């Protein structure tokens, strides 16, 4: 990736000596550079912060559900009754959400934004 200074220098040289096509290509590179900079400095940190908050609250909820389910198992002895079954389903839903968030983090990091 070229530096912004070298892109601007190339732009001025193409305006002075080059063709409109060369100038347009360099302007496109400058726009791409600005977009990457915006993603790296503003968008990515914001995304990480939001994803971290969601992940943290999901883990807290999963922990509370696990404690409650364990308590119900100790009291009832099985998951066959309706309330325990519902709690088990809710815990499975939270587990799936955590897996989904992990997938988002992996995708985000593999895109080079992390």
PDB file of N, CA and C in Angstrom:
ATOM      1  N   UNK A   1       0.853  -1.169   0.000  1.00  0.00           N
ATOM      2  CA  UNK A   1       0.000   0.000   0.000  1.00  0.00           C
ATOM      3  C   UNK A   1       0.902   1.235   0.000  1.00  0.00           C
ATOM      4  N   UNK A   2       0.629   2.139  -0.896  1.00  0.00           N
ATOM      5  CA  UNK A   2       1.408   3.374  -1.014  1.00  0.00           C
ATOM      6  C   UNK A   2       1.028   4.338   0.103  1.00  0.00           C
ATOM      7  N   UNK A   3       1.971   5.227   0.420  1.00  0.00           N
ATOM      8  CA  UNK A   3       1.661   6.233   1.425  1.00  0.00           C
ATOM      9  C   UNK A   3       0.819   7.337   0.795  1.00  0.00           C
ATOM     10  N   UNK A   4       0.115   8.066   1.641  1.00  0.00           N
ATOM     11  CA  UNK A   4      -0.728   9.150   1.141  1.00  0.00           C
ATOM     12  C   UNK A   4       0.120  10.204   0.440  1.00  0.00           C
ATOM     13  N   UNK A   5       1.297  10.491   0.982  1.00  0.00           N
ATOM     14  CA  UNK A   5       2.179  11.488   0.365  1.00  0.00           C
ATOM     15  C   UNK A   5       2.598  11.100  -1.043  1.00  0.00           C
ATOM     16  N   UNK A   6       2.955   9.824  -1.226  1.00  0.00           N
ATOM     17  CA  UNK A   6       3.369   9.388  -2.568  1.00  0.00           C
ATOM     18  C   UNK A   6       2.193   9.396  -3.537  1.00  0.00           C
ATOM     19  N   UNK A   7       0.990   9.089  -3.040  1.00  0.00           N
ATOM     20  CA  UNK A   7      -0.196   9.142  -3.907  1.00  0.00           C
ATOM     21  C   UNK A   7      -0.495  10.579  -4.345  1.00  0.00           C
ATOM     22  N   UNK A   8      -0.376  11.513  -3.410  1.00  0.00           N
ATOM     23  CA  UNK A   8      -0.640  12.923  -3.743  1.00  0.00           C
ATOM     24  C   UNK A   8       0.412  13.432  -4.723  1.00  0.00           C
ATOM     25  N   UNK A   9       1.670  13.061  -4.488  1.00  0.00           N
ATOM     26  CA  UNK A   9       2.736  13.458  -5.409  1.00  0.00           C
ATOM     27  C   UNK A   9       2.475  12.904  -6.809  1.00  0.00           C
ATOM     28  N   UNK A  10       2.083  11.636  -6.888  1.00  0.00           N
ATOM     29  CA  UNK A  10       1.771  11.026  -8.184  1.00  0.00           C
ATOM     30  C   UNK A  10       0.588  11.721  -8.845  1.00  0.00           C
ATOM     31  N   UNK A  11      -0.393  12.138  -8.034  1.00  0.00           N
ATOM     32  CA  UNK A  11      -1.559  12.842  -8.575  1.00  0.00           C
ATOM     33  C   UNK A  11      -1.134  14.151  -9.229  1.00  0.00           C
ATOM     34  N   UNK A  12      -0.311  14.929  -8.539  1.00  0.00           N
ATOM     35  CA  UNK A  12       0.134  16.204  -9.114  1.00  0.00           C
ATOM     36  C   UNK A  12       0.966  15.993 -10.379  1.00  0.00           C
ATOM     37  N   UNK A  13       1.822  14.973 -10.367  1.00  0.00           N
ATOM     38  CA  UNK A  13       2.614  14.674 -11.566  1.00  0.00           C
ATOM     39  C   UNK A  13       1.723  14.270 -12.733  1.00  0.00           C
ATOM     40  N   UNK A  14       0.676  13.484 -12.454  1.00  0.00           N
ATOM     41  CA  UNK A  14      -0.200  13.054 -13.547  1.00  0.00           C
ATOM     42  C   UNK A  14      -1.038  14.210 -14.068  1.00  0.00           C
ATOM     43  N   UNK A  15      -1.397  15.141 -13.195  1.00  0.00           N
ATOM     44  CA  UNK A  15      -2.145  16.319 -13.648  1.00  0.00           C
ATOM     45  C   UNK A  15      -1.255  17.156 -14.564  1.00  0.00           C
ATOM     46  N   UNK A  16       0.018  17.284 -14.177  1.00  0.00           N
ATOM     47  CA  UNK A  16       0.954  18.115 -14.932  1.00  0.00           C
ATOM     48  C   UNK A  16       1.371  17.451 -16.248  1.00  0.00           C
ATOM     49  N   UNK A  17       1.645  16.126 -16.199  1.00  0.00           N
ATOM     50  CA  UNK A  17       2.231  15.468 -17.370  1.00  0.00           C
ATOM     51  C   UNK A  17       1.389  14.321 -17.934  1.00  0.00           C
ATOM     52  N   UNK A  18       0.467  13.791 -17.158  1.00  0.00           N
ATOM     53  CA  UNK A  18      -0.203  12.561 -17.555  1.00  0.00           C
ATOM     54  C   UNK A  18      -1.531  12.772 -18.252  1.00  0.00           C
ATOM     55  N   UNK A  19      -2.253  11.669 -18.345  1.00  0.00           N
ATOM     56  CA  UNK A  19      -3.552  11.680 -19.005  1.00  0.00           C
ATOM     57  C   UNK A  19      -4.654  11.712 -17.959  1.00  0.00           C
ATOM     58  N   UNK A  20      -5.859  11.933 -18.419  1.00  0.00           N
ATOM     59  CA  UNK A  20      -7.012  11.915 -17.519  1.00  0.00           C
ATOM     60  C   UNK A  20      -7.217  10.556 -16.874  1.00  0.00           C
ATOM     61  N   UNK A  21      -6.891   9.489 -17.625  1.00  0.00           N
ATOM     62  CA  UNK A  21      -7.022   8.135 -17.083  1.00  0.00           C
ATOM     63  C   UNK A  21      -6.082   7.926 -15.902  1.00  0.00           C
ATOM     64  N   UNK A  22      -4.843   8.382 -16.052  1.00  0.00           N
ATOM     65  CA  UNK A  22      -3.869   8.232 -14.961  1.00  0.00           C
ATOM     66  C   UNK A  22      -4.323   9.003 -13.730  1.00  0.00           C
ATOM     67  N   UNK A  23      -4.814  10.219 -13.949  1.00  0.00           N
ATOM     68  CA  UNK A  23      -5.288  11.050 -12.842  1.00  0.00           C
ATOM     69  C   UNK A  23      -6.463  10.383 -12.141  1.00  0.00           C
ATOM     70  N   UNK A  24      -7.404   9.849 -12.913  1.00  0.00           N
ATOM     71  CA  UNK A  24      -8.572   9.178 -12.328  1.00  0.00           C
ATOM     72  C   UNK A  24      -8.148   7.953 -11.516  1.00  0.00           C
ATOM     73  N   UNK A  25      -7.173   7.212 -12.022  1.00  0.00           N
ATOM     74  CA  UNK A  25      -6.699   6.021 -11.308  1.00  0.00           C
ATOM     75  C   UNK A  25      -6.057   6.406  -9.978  1.00  0.00           C
ATOM     76  N   UNK A  26      -5.284   7.475  -9.983  1.00  0.00           N
ATOM     77  CA  UNK A  26      -4.635   7.912  -8.742  1.00  0.00           C
ATOM     78  C   UNK A  26      -5.670   8.452  -7.759  1.00  0.00           C
ATOM     79  N   UNK A  27      -6.659   9.198  -8.257  1.00  0.00           N
ATOM     80  CA  UNK A  27      -7.727   9.686  -7.379  1.00  0.00           C
ATOM     81  C   UNK A  27      -8.468   8.514  -6.735  1.00  0.00           C
ATOM     82  N   UNK A  28      -8.676   7.456  -7.514  1.00  0.00           N
ATOM     83  CA  UNK A  28      -9.333   6.257  -6.980  1.00  0.00           C
ATOM     84  C   UNK A  28      -8.489   5.641  -5.866  1.00  0.00           C
ATOM     85  N   UNK A  29      -7.179   5.572  -6.059  1.00  0.00           N
ATOM     86  CA  UNK A  29      -6.284   5.031  -5.033  1.00  0.00           C
ATOM     87  C   UNK A  29      -6.319   5.885  -3.764  1.00  0.00           C
ATOM     88  N   UNK A  30      -6.389   7.198  -3.924  1.00  0.00           N
ATOM     89  CA  UNK A  30      -6.461   8.090  -2.756  1.00  0.00           C
ATOM     90  C   UNK A  30      -7.761   7.846  -1.996  1.00  0.00           C
ATOM     91  N   UNK A  31      -8.876   7.697  -2.725  1.00  0.00           N
ATOM     92  CA  UNK A  31     -10.156   7.408  -2.062  1.00  0.00           C
ATOM     93  C   UNK A  31     -10.091   6.078  -1.309  1.00  0.00           C
ATOM     94  N   UNK A  32      -9.491   5.052  -1.921  1.00  0.00           N
ATOM     95  CA  UNK A  32      -9.348   3.758  -1.253  1.00  0.00           C
ATOM     96  C   UNK A  32      -8.484   3.892   0.001  1.00  0.00           C
ATOM     97  N   UNK A  33      -7.415   4.683  -0.095  1.00  0.00           N
ATOM     98  CA  UNK A  33      -6.541   4.914   1.054  1.00  0.00           C
ATOM     99  C   UNK A  33      -7.338   5.569   2.191  1.00  0.00           C
ATOM    100  N   UNK A  34      -8.142   6.577   1.854  1.00  0.00           N
ATOM    101  CA  UNK A  34      -8.948   7.269   2.861  1.00  0.00           C
ATOM    102  C   UNK A  34      -9.974   6.329   3.490  1.00  0.00           C
ATOM    103  N   UNK A  35     -10.585   5.469   2.689  1.00  0.00           N
ATOM    104  CA  UNK A  35     -11.560   4.517   3.220  1.00  0.00           C
ATOM    105  C   UNK A  35     -10.895   3.533   4.180  1.00  0.00           C
ATOM    106  N   UNK A  36      -9.729   3.004   3.801  1.00  0.00           N
ATOM    107  CA  UNK A  36      -9.014   2.079   4.688  1.00  0.00           C
ATOM    108  C   UNK A  36      -8.632   2.775   5.991  1.00  0.00           C
ATOM    109  N   UNK A  37      -8.204   4.023   5.892  1.00  0.00           N
ATOM    110  CA  UNK A  37      -7.841   4.786   7.085  1.00  0.00           C
ATOM    111  C   UNK A  37      -9.057   4.986   7.985  1.00  0.00           C
ATOM    112  N   UNK A  38     -10.201   5.309   7.398  1.00  0.00           N
ATOM    113  CA  UNK A  38     -11.448   5.490   8.150  1.00  0.00           C
ATOM    114  C   UNK A  38     -11.830   4.193   8.868  1.00  0.00           C
ATOM    115  N   UNK A  39     -11.739   3.078   8.166  1.00  0.00           N
ATOM    116  CA  UNK A  39     -12.080   1.788   8.776  1.00  0.00           C
ATOM    117  C   UNK A  39     -11.131   1.474   9.921  1.00  0.00           C
ATOM    118  N   UNK A  40      -9.838   1.669   9.693  1.00  0.00           N
ATOM    119  CA  UNK A  40      -8.832   1.319  10.693  1.00  0.00           C
ATOM    120  C   UNK A  40      -8.907   2.209  11.932  1.00  0.00           C
ATOM    121  N   UNK A  41      -9.197   3.496  11.760  1.00  0.00           N
ATOM    122  CA  UNK A  41      -9.120   4.419  12.897  1.00  0.00           C
ATOM    123  C   UNK A  41     -10.461   4.707  13.561  1.00  0.00           C
ATOM    124  N   UNK A  42     -11.576   4.571  12.841  1.00  0.00           N
ATOM    125  CA  UNK A  42     -12.877   4.927  13.414  1.00  0.00           C
ATOM    126  C   UNK A  42     -13.825   3.733  13.472  1.00  0.00           C
ATOM    127  N   UNK A  43     -14.074   3.122  12.343  1.00  0.00           N
ATOM    128  CA  UNK A  43     -15.084   2.067  12.264  1.00  0.00           C
ATOM    129  C   UNK A  43     -14.685   0.828  13.054  1.00  0.00           C
ATOM    130  N   UNK A  44     -13.482   0.337  12.857  1.00  0.00           N
ATOM    131  CA  UNK A  44     -13.048  -0.893  13.518  1.00  0.00           C
ATOM    132  C   UNK A  44     -13.047  -0.775  15.047  1.00  0.00           C
ATOM    133  N   UNK A  45     -12.477   0.279  15.635  1.00  0.00           N
ATOM    134  CA  UNK A  45     -12.520   0.381  17.098  1.00  0.00           C
ATOM    135  C   UNK A  45     -13.949   0.457  17.640  1.00  0.00           C
ATOM    136  N   UNK A  46     -14.817   1.150  16.925  1.00  0.00           N
ATOM    137  CA  UNK A  46     -16.214   1.249  17.348  1.00  0.00           C
ATOM    138  C   UNK A  46     -16.874  -0.124  17.310  1.00  0.00           C
ATOM    139  N   UNK A  47     -16.633  -0.881  16.239  1.00  0.00           N
ATOM    140  CA  UNK A  47     -17.196  -2.221  16.100  1.00  0.00           C
ATOM    141  C   UNK A  47     -16.703  -3.123  17.221  1.00  0.00           C
ATOM    142  N   UNK A  48     -15.398  -3.058  17.516  1.00  0.00           N
ATOM    143  CA  UNK A  48     -14.835  -3.886  18.592  1.00  0.00           C
ATOM    144  C   UNK A  48     -15.484  -3.556  19.929  1.00  0.00           C
ATOM    145  N   UNK A  49     -15.711  -2.269  20.194  1.00  0.00           N
ATOM    146  CA  UNK A  49     -16.302  -1.863  21.460  1.00  0.00           C
ATOM    147  C   UNK A  49     -17.728  -2.404  21.589  1.00  0.00           C
ATOM    148  N   UNK A  50     -18.532  -2.253  20.541  1.00  0.00           N
ATOM    149  CA  UNK A  50     -19.917  -2.727  20.573  1.00  0.00           C
ATOM    150  C   UNK A  50     -19.951  -4.248  20.705  1.00  0.00           C
ATOM    151  N   UNK A  51     -19.149  -4.937  19.913  1.00  0.00           N
ATOM    152  CA  UNK A  51     -19.123  -6.402  19.962  1.00  0.00           C
ATOM    153  C   UNK A  51     -18.677  -6.887  21.339  1.00  0.00           C
ATOM    154  N   UNK A  52     -17.722  -6.201  21.942  1.00  0.00           N
ATOM    155  CA  UNK A  52     -17.256  -6.571  23.273  1.00  0.00           C
ATOM    156  C   UNK A  52     -18.339  -6.428  24.322  1.00  0.00           C
ATOM    157  N   UNK A  53     -19.128  -5.353  24.232  1.00  0.00           N
ATOM    158  CA  UNK A  53     -20.227  -5.152  25.182  1.00  0.00           C
ATOM    159  C   UNK A  53     -21.281  -6.242  25.027  1.00  0.00           C
ATOM    160  N   UNK A  54     -21.651  -6.554  23.786  1.00  0.00           N
ATOM    161  CA  UNK A  54     -22.657  -7.590  23.538  1.00  0.00           C
ATOM    162  C   UNK A  54     -22.143  -8.937  24.034  1.00  0.00           C
ATOM    163  N   UNK A  55     -20.893  -9.246  23.750  1.00  0.00           N
ATOM    164  CA  UNK A  55     -20.299 -10.512  24.179  1.00  0.00           C
ATOM    165  C   UNK A  55     -20.303 -10.600  25.706  1.00  0.00           C
ATOM    166  N   UNK A  56     -19.924  -9.506  26.374  1.00  0.00           N
ATOM    167  CA  UNK A  56     -19.887  -9.498  27.835  1.00  0.00           C
ATOM    168  C   UNK A  56     -21.251  -9.721  28.456  1.00  0.00           C
ATOM    169  N   UNK A  57     -22.277  -9.039  27.949  1.00  0.00           N
ATOM    170  CA  UNK A  57     -23.618  -9.210  28.513  1.00  0.00           C
ATOM    171  C   UNK A  57     -24.161 -10.599  28.210  1.00  0.00           C
ATOM    172  N   UNK A  58     -23.842 -11.149  27.039  1.00  0.00           N
ATOM    173  CA  UNK A  58     -24.285 -12.503  26.697  1.00  0.00           C
ATOM    174  C   UNK A  58     -23.654 -13.523  27.638  1.00  0.00           C
ATOM    175  N   UNK A  59     -22.367 -13.366  27.919  1.00  0.00           N
ATOM    176  CA  UNK A  59     -21.689 -14.291  28.829  1.00  0.00           C
ATOM    177  C   UNK A  59     -22.260 -14.188  30.243  1.00  0.00           C
ATOM    178  N   UNK A  60     -22.597 -12.987  30.675  1.00  0.00           N
ATOM    179  CA  UNK A  60     -23.191 -12.798  32.001  1.00  0.00           C
ATOM    180  C   UNK A  60     -24.538 -13.513  32.066  1.00  0.00           C
ATOM    181  N   UNK A  61     -25.364 -13.344  31.030  1.00  0.00           N
ATOM    182  CA  UNK A  61     -26.666 -14.011  30.990  1.00  0.00           C
ATOM    183  C   UNK A  61     -26.501 -15.525  30.973  1.00  0.00           C
ATOM    184  N   UNK A  62     -25.548 -16.018  30.211  1.00  0.00           N
ATOM    185  CA  UNK A  62     -25.314 -17.463  30.136  1.00  0.00           C
ATOM    186  C   UNK A  62     -24.915 -18.014  31.498  1.00  0.00           C
ATOM    187  N   UNK A  63     -24.099 -17.268  32.218  1.00  0.00           N
ATOM    188  CA  UNK A  63     -23.673 -17.700  33.544  1.00  0.00           C
ATOM    189  C   UNK A  63     -24.855 -17.768  34.508  1.00  0.00           C
ATOM    190  N   UNK A  64     -25.709 -16.754  34.477  1.00  0.00           N
ATOM    191  CA  UNK A  64     -26.885 -16.747  35.358  1.00  0.00           C
ATOM    192  C   UNK A  64     -27.818 -17.912  35.025  1.00  0.00           C
ATOM    193  N   UNK A  65     -28.018 -18.181  33.750  1.00  0.00           N
ATOM    194  CA  UNK A  65     -28.888 -19.287  33.334  1.00  0.00           C
ATOM    195  C   UNK A  65     -28.302 -20.623  33.781  1.00  0.00           C
ATOM    196  N   UNK A  66     -26.986 -20.769  33.658  1.00  0.00           N
ATOM    197  CA  UNK A  66     -26.338 -22.017  34.069  1.00  0.00           C
ATOM    198  C   UNK A  66     -26.508 -22.258  35.566  1.00  0.00           C
ATOM    199  N   UNK A  67     -26.341 -21.214  36.374  1.00  0.00           N
ATOM    200  CA  UNK A  67     -26.506 -21.345  37.823  1.00  0.00           C
ATOM    201  C   UNK A  67     -27.943 -21.726  38.155  1.00  0.00           C
ATOM    202  N   UNK A  68     -28.908 -21.066  37.505  1.00  0.00           N
ATOM    203  CA  UNK A  68     -30.318 -21.362  37.766  1.00  0.00           C
ATOM    204  C   UNK A  68     -30.680 -22.780  37.330  1.00  0.00           C
ATOM    205  N   UNK A  69     -30.166 -23.201  36.193  1.00  0.00           N
ATOM    206  CA  UNK A  69     -30.449 -24.554  35.700  1.00  0.00           C
ATOM    207  C   UNK A  69     -29.858 -25.596  36.643  1.00  0.00           C
ATOM    208  N   UNK A  70     -28.646 -25.348  37.123  1.00  0.00           N
ATOM    209  CA  UNK A  70     -28.028 -26.277  38.071  1.00  0.00           C
ATOM    210  C   UNK A  70     -28.863 -26.358  39.341  1.00  0.00           C
ATOM    211  N   UNK A  71     -29.329 -25.218  39.821  1.00  0.00           N
ATOM    212  CA  UNK A  71     -30.166 -25.184  41.015  1.00  0.00           C
ATOM    213  C   UNK A  71     -31.448 -25.984  40.797  1.00  0.00           C
ATOM    214  N   UNK A  72     -32.073 -25.808  39.637  1.00  0.00           N
ATOM    215  CA  UNK A  72     -33.306 -26.547  39.345  1.00  0.00           C
ATOM    216  C   UNK A  72     -33.053 -28.048  39.266  1.00  0.00           C
ATOM    217  N   UNK A  73     -31.924 -28.426  38.668  1.00  0.00           N
ATOM    218  CA  UNK A  73     -31.586 -29.850  38.587  1.00  0.00           C
ATOM    219  C   UNK A  73     -31.401 -30.450  39.975  1.00  0.00           C
ATOM    220  N   UNK A  74     -30.752 -29.693  40.857  1.00  0.00           N
ATOM    221  CA  UNK A  74     -30.538 -30.189  42.213  1.00  0.00           C
ATOM    222  C   UNK A  74     -31.861 -30.338  42.949  1.00  0.00           C
ATOM    223  N   UNK A  75     -32.800 -29.421  42.690  1.00  0.00           N
ATOM    224  CA  UNK A  75     -34.109 -29.491  43.346  1.00  0.00           C
ATOM    225  C   UNK A  75     -34.991 -30.575  42.733  1.00  0.00           C
ATOM    226  N   UNK A  76     -35.066 -30.617  41.397  1.00  0.00           N
ATOM    227  CA  UNK A  76     -36.019 -31.493  40.717  1.00  0.00           C
ATOM    228  C   UNK A  76     -35.441 -32.855  40.360  1.00  0.00           C
ATOM    229  N   UNK A  77     -34.172 -32.914  40.100  1.00  0.00           N
ATOM    230  CA  UNK A  77     -33.558 -34.173  39.742  1.00  0.00           C
ATOM    231  C   UNK A  77     -33.588 -34.502  38.265  1.00  0.00           C
ATOM    232  N   UNK A  78     -34.361 -33.767  37.448  1.00  0.00           N
ATOM    233  CA  UNK A  78     -34.359 -34.031  36.004  1.00  0.00           C
ATOM    234  C   UNK A  78     -34.782 -32.788  35.231  1.00  0.00           C
ATOM    235  N   UNK A  79     -34.617 -32.862  33.926  1.00  0.00           N
ATOM    236  CA  UNK A  79     -34.998 -31.743  33.055  1.00  0.00           C
ATOM    237  C   UNK A  79     -36.301 -32.027  32.324  1.00  0.00           C
ATOM    238  N   UNK A  80     -37.056 -33.024  32.767  1.00  0.00           N
ATOM    239  CA  UNK A  80     -38.261 -33.397  32.039  1.00  0.00           C
ATOM    240  C   UNK A  80     -39.430 -32.458  32.296  1.00  0.00           C
ATOM    241  N   UNK A  81     -39.393 -31.727  33.411  1.00  0.00           N
ATOM    242  CA  UNK A  81     -40.524 -30.818  33.620  1.00  0.00           C
ATOM    243  C   UNK A  81     -40.367 -29.575  32.749  1.00  0.00           C
ATOM    244  N   UNK A  82     -41.445 -28.880  32.559  1.00  0.00           N
ATOM    245  CA  UNK A  82     -41.491 -27.783  31.589  1.00  0.00           C
ATOM    246  C   UNK A  82     -40.517 -26.658  31.914  1.00  0.00           C
ATOM    247  N   UNK A  83     -40.483 -26.212  33.162  1.00  0.00           N
ATOM    248  CA  UNK A  83     -39.637 -25.058  33.481  1.00  0.00           C
ATOM    249  C   UNK A  83     -38.158 -25.365  33.262  1.00  0.00           C
ATOM    250  N   UNK A  84     -37.718 -26.543  33.674  1.00  0.00           N
ATOM    251  CA  UNK A  84     -36.314 -26.901  33.457  1.00  0.00           C
ATOM    252  C   UNK A  84     -36.014 -27.044  31.980  1.00  0.00           C
ATOM    253  N   UNK A  85     -36.953 -27.616  31.231  1.00  0.00           N
ATOM    254  CA  UNK A  85     -36.768 -27.764  29.790  1.00  0.00           C
ATOM    255  C   UNK A  85     -36.642 -26.423  29.098  1.00  0.00           C
ATOM    256  N   UNK A  86     -37.471 -25.465  29.526  1.00  0.00           N
ATOM    257  CA  UNK A  86     -37.397 -24.126  28.941  1.00  0.00           C
ATOM    258  C   UNK A  86     -36.068 -23.467  29.258  1.00  0.00           C
ATOM    259  N   UNK A  87     -35.618 -23.623  30.490  1.00  0.00           N
ATOM    260  CA  UNK A  87     -34.327 -23.039  30.850  1.00  0.00           C
ATOM    261  C   UNK A  87     -33.198 -23.676  30.045  1.00  0.00           C
ATOM    262  N   UNK A  88     -33.287 -24.990  29.836  1.00  0.00           N
ATOM    263  CA  UNK A  88     -32.283 -25.672  29.019  1.00  0.00           C
ATOM    264  C   UNK A  88     -32.272 -25.145  27.598  1.00  0.00           C
ATOM    265  N   UNK A  89     -33.467 -24.901  27.044  1.00  0.00           N
ATOM    266  CA  UNK A  89     -33.562 -24.345  25.693  1.00  0.00           C
ATOM    267  C   UNK A  89     -32.996 -22.946  25.625  1.00  0.00           C
ATOM    268  N   UNK A  90     -33.250 -22.158  26.675  1.00  0.00           N
ATOM    269  CA  UNK A  90     -32.723 -20.799  26.718  1.00  0.00           C
ATOM    270  C   UNK A  90     -31.197 -20.823  26.794  1.00  0.00           C
ATOM    271  N   UNK A  91     -30.664 -21.729  27.612  1.00  0.00           N
ATOM    272  CA  UNK A  91     -29.206 -21.852  27.708  1.00  0.00           C
ATOM    273  C   UNK A  91     -28.610 -22.253  26.360  1.00  0.00           C
ATOM    274  N   UNK A  92     -29.296 -23.134  25.637  1.00  0.00           N
ATOM    275  CA  UNK A  92     -28.814 -23.530  24.308  1.00  0.00           C
ATOM    276  C   UNK A  92     -28.833 -22.340  23.358  1.00  0.00           C
ATOM    277  N   UNK A  93     -29.882 -21.501  23.463  1.00  0.00           N
ATOM    278  CA  UNK A  93     -29.960 -20.298  22.629  1.00  0.00           C
ATOM    279  C   UNK A  93     -28.817 -19.342  22.915  1.00  0.00           C
ATOM    280  N   UNK A  94     -28.490 -19.170  24.194  1.00  0.00           N
ATOM    281  CA  UNK A  94     -27.373 -18.297  24.567  1.00  0.00           C
ATOM    282  C   UNK A  94     -26.066 -18.883  24.039  1.00  0.00           C
ATOM    283  N   UNK A  95     -25.924 -20.197  24.152  1.00  0.00           N
ATOM    284  CA  UNK A  95     -24.722 -20.852  23.636  1.00  0.00           C
ATOM    285  C   UNK A  95     -24.576 -20.613  22.137  1.00  0.00           C
ATOM    286  N   UNK A  96     -25.680 -20.714  21.404  1.00  0.00           N
ATOM    287  CA  UNK A  96     -25.637 -20.459  19.959  1.00  0.00           C
ATOM    288  C   UNK A  96     -25.267 -19.011  19.670  1.00  0.00           C
ATOM    289  N   UNK A  97     -25.763 -18.073  20.501  1.00  0.00           N
ATOM    290  CA  UNK A  97     -25.440 -16.657  20.318  1.00  0.00           C
ATOM    291  C   UNK A  97     -23.948 -16.427  20.542  1.00  0.00           C
ATOM    292  N   UNK A  98     -23.390 -17.066  21.555  1.00  0.00           N
ATOM    293  CA  UNK A  98     -21.958 -16.934  21.826  1.00  0.00           C
ATOM    294  C   UNK A  98     -21.154 -17.474  20.640  1.00  0.00           C
ATOM    295  N   UNK A  99     -21.572 -18.615  20.089  1.00  0.00           N
ATOM    296  CA  UNK A  99     -20.880 -19.174  18.918  1.00  0.00           C
ATOM    297  C   UNK A  99     -20.982 -18.219  17.731  1.00  0.00           C
ATOM    298  N   UNK A 100     -22.146 -17.594  17.575  1.00  0.00           N
ATOM    299  CA  UNK A 100     -22.343 -16.637  16.486  1.00  0.00           C
ATOM    300  C   UNK A 100     -21.418 -15.435  16.651  1.00  0.00           C
ATOM    301  N   UNK A 101     -21.319 -14.921  17.874  1.00  0.00           N
ATOM    302  CA  UNK A 101     -20.432 -13.785  18.130  1.00  0.00           C
ATOM    303  C   UNK A 101     -18.978 -14.166  17.868  1.00  0.00           C
ATOM    304  N   UNK A 102     -18.593 -15.375  18.256  1.00  0.00           N
ATOM    305  CA  UNK A 102     -17.233 -15.823  17.993  1.00  0.00           C
ATOM    306  C   UNK A 102     -16.987 -15.855  16.487  1.00  0.00           C
ATOM    307  N   UNK A 103     -17.982 -16.311  15.731  1.00  0.00           N
ATOM    308  CA  UNK A 103     -17.861 -16.322  14.274  1.00  0.00           C
ATOM    309  C   UNK A 103     -17.682 -14.925  13.717  1.00  0.00           C
ATOM    310  N   UNK A 104     -18.424 -13.955  14.289  1.00  0.00           N
ATOM    311  CA  UNK A 104     -18.285 -12.566  13.845  1.00  0.00           C
ATOM    312  C   UNK A 104     -16.887 -12.038  14.150  1.00  0.00           C
ATOM    313  N   UNK A 105     -16.371 -12.331  15.353  1.00  0.00           N
ATOM    314  CA  UNK A 105     -15.019 -11.897  15.703  1.00  0.00           C
ATOM    315  C   UNK A 105     -14.002 -12.510  14.749  1.00  0.00           C
ATOM    316  N   UNK A 106     -14.160 -13.814  14.458  1.00  0.00           N
ATOM    317  CA  UNK A 106     -13.225 -14.486  13.554  1.00  0.00           C
ATOM    318  C   UNK A 106     -13.264 -13.860  12.164  1.00  0.00           C
ATOM    319  N   UNK A 107     -14.481 -13.584  11.669  1.00  0.00           N
ATOM    320  CA  UNK A 107     -14.628 -12.957  10.355  1.00  0.00           C
ATOM    321  C   UNK A 107     -13.985 -11.578  10.355  1.00  0.00           C
ATOM    322  N   UNK A 108     -14.247 -10.821  11.409  1.00  0.00           N
ATOM    323  CA  UNK A 108     -13.717  -9.470  11.557  1.00  0.00           C
ATOM    324  C   UNK A 108     -12.189  -9.494  11.562  1.00  0.00           C
ATOM    325  N   UNK A 109     -11.619 -10.409  12.348  1.00  0.00           N
ATOM    326  CA  UNK A 109     -10.159 -10.495  12.443  1.00  0.00           C
ATOM    327  C   UNK A 109      -9.541 -11.001  11.149  1.00  0.00           C
ATOM    328  N   UNK A 110     -10.199 -11.942  10.463  1.00  0.00           N
ATOM    329  CA  UNK A 110      -9.636 -12.460   9.212  1.00  0.00           C
ATOM    330  C   UNK A 110      -9.688 -11.413   8.101  1.00  0.00           C
ATOM    331  N   UNK A 111     -10.558 -10.413   8.251  1.00  0.00           N
ATOM    332  CA  UNK A 111     -10.619  -9.335   7.261  1.00  0.00           C
ATOM    333  C   UNK A 111      -9.499  -8.318   7.482  1.00  0.00           C
ATOM    334  N   UNK A 112      -8.716  -8.524   8.541  1.00  0.00           N
ATOM    335  CA  UNK A 112      -7.582  -7.633   8.802  1.00  0.00           C
ATOM    336  C   UNK A 112      -7.978  -6.352   9.506  1.00  0.00           C
ATOM    337  N   UNK A 113      -9.165  -6.345  10.134  1.00  0.00           N
ATOM    338  CA  UNK A 113      -9.619  -5.121  10.791  1.00  0.00           C
ATOM    339  C   UNK A 113      -9.333  -5.146  12.282  1.00  0.00           C
ATOM    340  N   UNK A 114      -9.005  -6.295  12.824  1.00  0.00           N
ATOM    341  CA  UNK A 114      -8.786  -6.430  14.259  1.00  0.00           C
ATOM    342  C   UNK A 114      -7.394  -6.098  14.675  1.00  0.00           C
TER     343      UNK A 114
END
